[in-house]
Amino acid sequence: MPSGLIGSRAIASVREVIGPRLKALLITQHISSTQRALEQNGYVRLATTLIGADALIATLQAMHQS
């Protein structure tokens, strides 16, 4: 990601164009309480960079079904 751009800002920027119901998966090294708050609307899921392939696939499938 470009310097100074963080995932939550990128999601917000894309949502300004596409709309607030855009589903997003934010993969990060450390999940902060601010990032946890993003999950409250149900359109953002969080994962750490240690997520395995099976867990990643399961998360993406769950997001697609919801």
C-alpha atoms as a PDB file:
ATOM      1  CA  MET A   1       0.000   0.000   0.000  1.00  0.00           C
ATOM      2  CA  PRO A   2       1.341   3.492  -0.739  1.00  0.00           C
ATOM      3  CA  SER A   3       3.075   5.304   2.088  1.00  0.00           C
ATOM      4  CA  GLY A   4       0.614   7.041   4.383  1.00  0.00           C
ATOM      5  CA  LEU A   5      -2.416   5.107   3.132  1.00  0.00           C
ATOM      6  CA  ILE A   6      -3.873   2.685   5.618  1.00  0.00           C
ATOM      7  CA  GLY A   7      -6.425  -0.013   4.926  1.00  0.00           C
ATOM      8  CA  SER A   8      -9.330   1.611   6.747  1.00  0.00           C
ATOM      9  CA  ARG A   9      -8.815   4.836   4.775  1.00  0.00           C
ATOM     10  CA  ALA A  10      -8.627   2.882   1.533  1.00  0.00           C
ATOM     11  CA  ILE A  11     -11.920   1.165   2.373  1.00  0.00           C
ATOM     12  CA  ALA A  12     -13.526   4.515   3.211  1.00  0.00           C
ATOM     13  CA  SER A  13     -12.297   6.046  -0.051  1.00  0.00           C
ATOM     14  CA  VAL A  14     -13.655   3.212  -2.177  1.00  0.00           C
ATOM     15  CA  ARG A  15     -16.965   3.313  -0.286  1.00  0.00           C
ATOM     16  CA  GLU A  16     -17.335   6.988  -1.159  1.00  0.00           C
ATOM     17  CA  VAL A  17     -17.494   5.913  -4.802  1.00  0.00           C
ATOM     18  CA  ILE A  18     -19.198   2.513  -4.610  1.00  0.00           C
ATOM     19  CA  GLY A  19     -21.360   2.949  -1.521  1.00  0.00           C
ATOM     20  CA  PRO A  20     -21.319   2.015   2.158  1.00  0.00           C
ATOM     21  CA  ARG A  21     -22.347  -1.604   1.624  1.00  0.00           C
ATOM     22  CA  LEU A  22     -19.059  -2.574  -0.012  1.00  0.00           C
ATOM     23  CA  LYS A  23     -17.730  -5.684   1.702  1.00  0.00           C
ATOM     24  CA  ALA A  24     -14.054  -5.606   2.591  1.00  0.00           C
ATOM     25  CA  LEU A  25     -11.468  -7.844   4.195  1.00  0.00           C
ATOM     26  CA  LEU A  26      -8.766  -5.919   6.020  1.00  0.00           C
ATOM     27  CA  ILE A  27      -5.610  -7.982   6.504  1.00  0.00           C
ATOM     28  CA  THR A  28      -3.181  -6.424   8.945  1.00  0.00           C
ATOM     29  CA  GLN A  29      -0.331  -7.347  11.285  1.00  0.00           C
ATOM     30  CA  HIS A  30      -2.021  -6.026  14.407  1.00  0.00           C
ATOM     31  CA  ILE A  31      -5.746  -5.457  14.902  1.00  0.00           C
ATOM     32  CA  SER A  32      -6.479  -2.311  16.903  1.00  0.00           C
ATOM     33  CA  SER A  33      -9.667  -1.365  18.731  1.00  0.00           C
ATOM     34  CA  THR A  34     -10.304   1.233  16.016  1.00  0.00           C
ATOM     35  CA  GLN A  35     -10.123  -1.462  13.361  1.00  0.00           C
ATOM     36  CA  ARG A  36     -12.362  -3.747  15.464  1.00  0.00           C
ATOM     37  CA  ALA A  37     -14.992  -0.995  15.364  1.00  0.00           C
ATOM     38  CA  LEU A  38     -15.061  -1.329  11.568  1.00  0.00           C
ATOM     39  CA  GLU A  39     -16.551  -4.823  11.964  1.00  0.00           C
ATOM     40  CA  GLN A  40     -19.635  -3.420  13.671  1.00  0.00           C
ATOM     41  CA  ASN A  41     -21.459  -2.636  10.425  1.00  0.00           C
ATOM     42  CA  GLY A  42     -21.068  -6.210   9.181  1.00  0.00           C
ATOM     43  CA  TYR A  43     -19.407  -5.230   5.915  1.00  0.00           C
ATOM     44  CA  VAL A  44     -15.799  -5.436   7.110  1.00  0.00           C
ATOM     45  CA  ARG A  45     -13.966  -8.515   8.315  1.00  0.00           C
ATOM     46  CA  LEU A  46     -10.538  -8.430   9.898  1.00  0.00           C
ATOM     47  CA  ALA A  47      -7.707 -10.948   9.673  1.00  0.00           C
ATOM     48  CA  THR A  48      -4.079 -10.930  10.646  1.00  0.00           C
ATOM     49  CA  THR A  49      -1.268 -11.511   8.214  1.00  0.00           C
ATOM     50  CA  LEU A  50      -0.860 -14.944   9.804  1.00  0.00           C
ATOM     51  CA  ILE A  51      -4.155 -16.165   8.322  1.00  0.00           C
ATOM     52  CA  GLY A  52      -3.791 -19.508   6.597  1.00  0.00           C
ATOM     53  CA  ALA A  53      -5.096 -20.276   3.128  1.00  0.00           C
ATOM     54  CA  ASP A  54      -8.021 -22.391   4.378  1.00  0.00           C
ATOM     55  CA  ALA A  55      -9.104 -19.719   6.862  1.00  0.00           C
ATOM     56  CA  LEU A  56      -8.801 -17.019   4.199  1.00  0.00           C
ATOM     57  CA  ILE A  57     -10.974 -18.984   1.788  1.00  0.00           C
ATOM     58  CA  ALA A  58     -13.550 -19.682   4.515  1.00  0.00           C
ATOM     59  CA  THR A  59     -13.667 -15.987   5.447  1.00  0.00           C
ATOM     60  CA  LEU A  60     -14.140 -14.892   1.848  1.00  0.00           C
ATOM     61  CA  GLN A  61     -16.884 -17.486   1.324  1.00  0.00           C
ATOM     62  CA  ALA A  62     -18.675 -16.345   4.492  1.00  0.00           C
ATOM     63  CA  MET A  63     -18.485 -12.731   3.331  1.00  0.00           C
ATOM     64  CA  HIS A  64     -19.923 -13.663  -0.058  1.00  0.00           C
ATOM     65  CA  GLN A  65     -22.837 -15.522   1.530  1.00  0.00           C
ATOM     66  CA  SER A  66     -23.784 -12.742   3.945  1.00  0.00           C
END
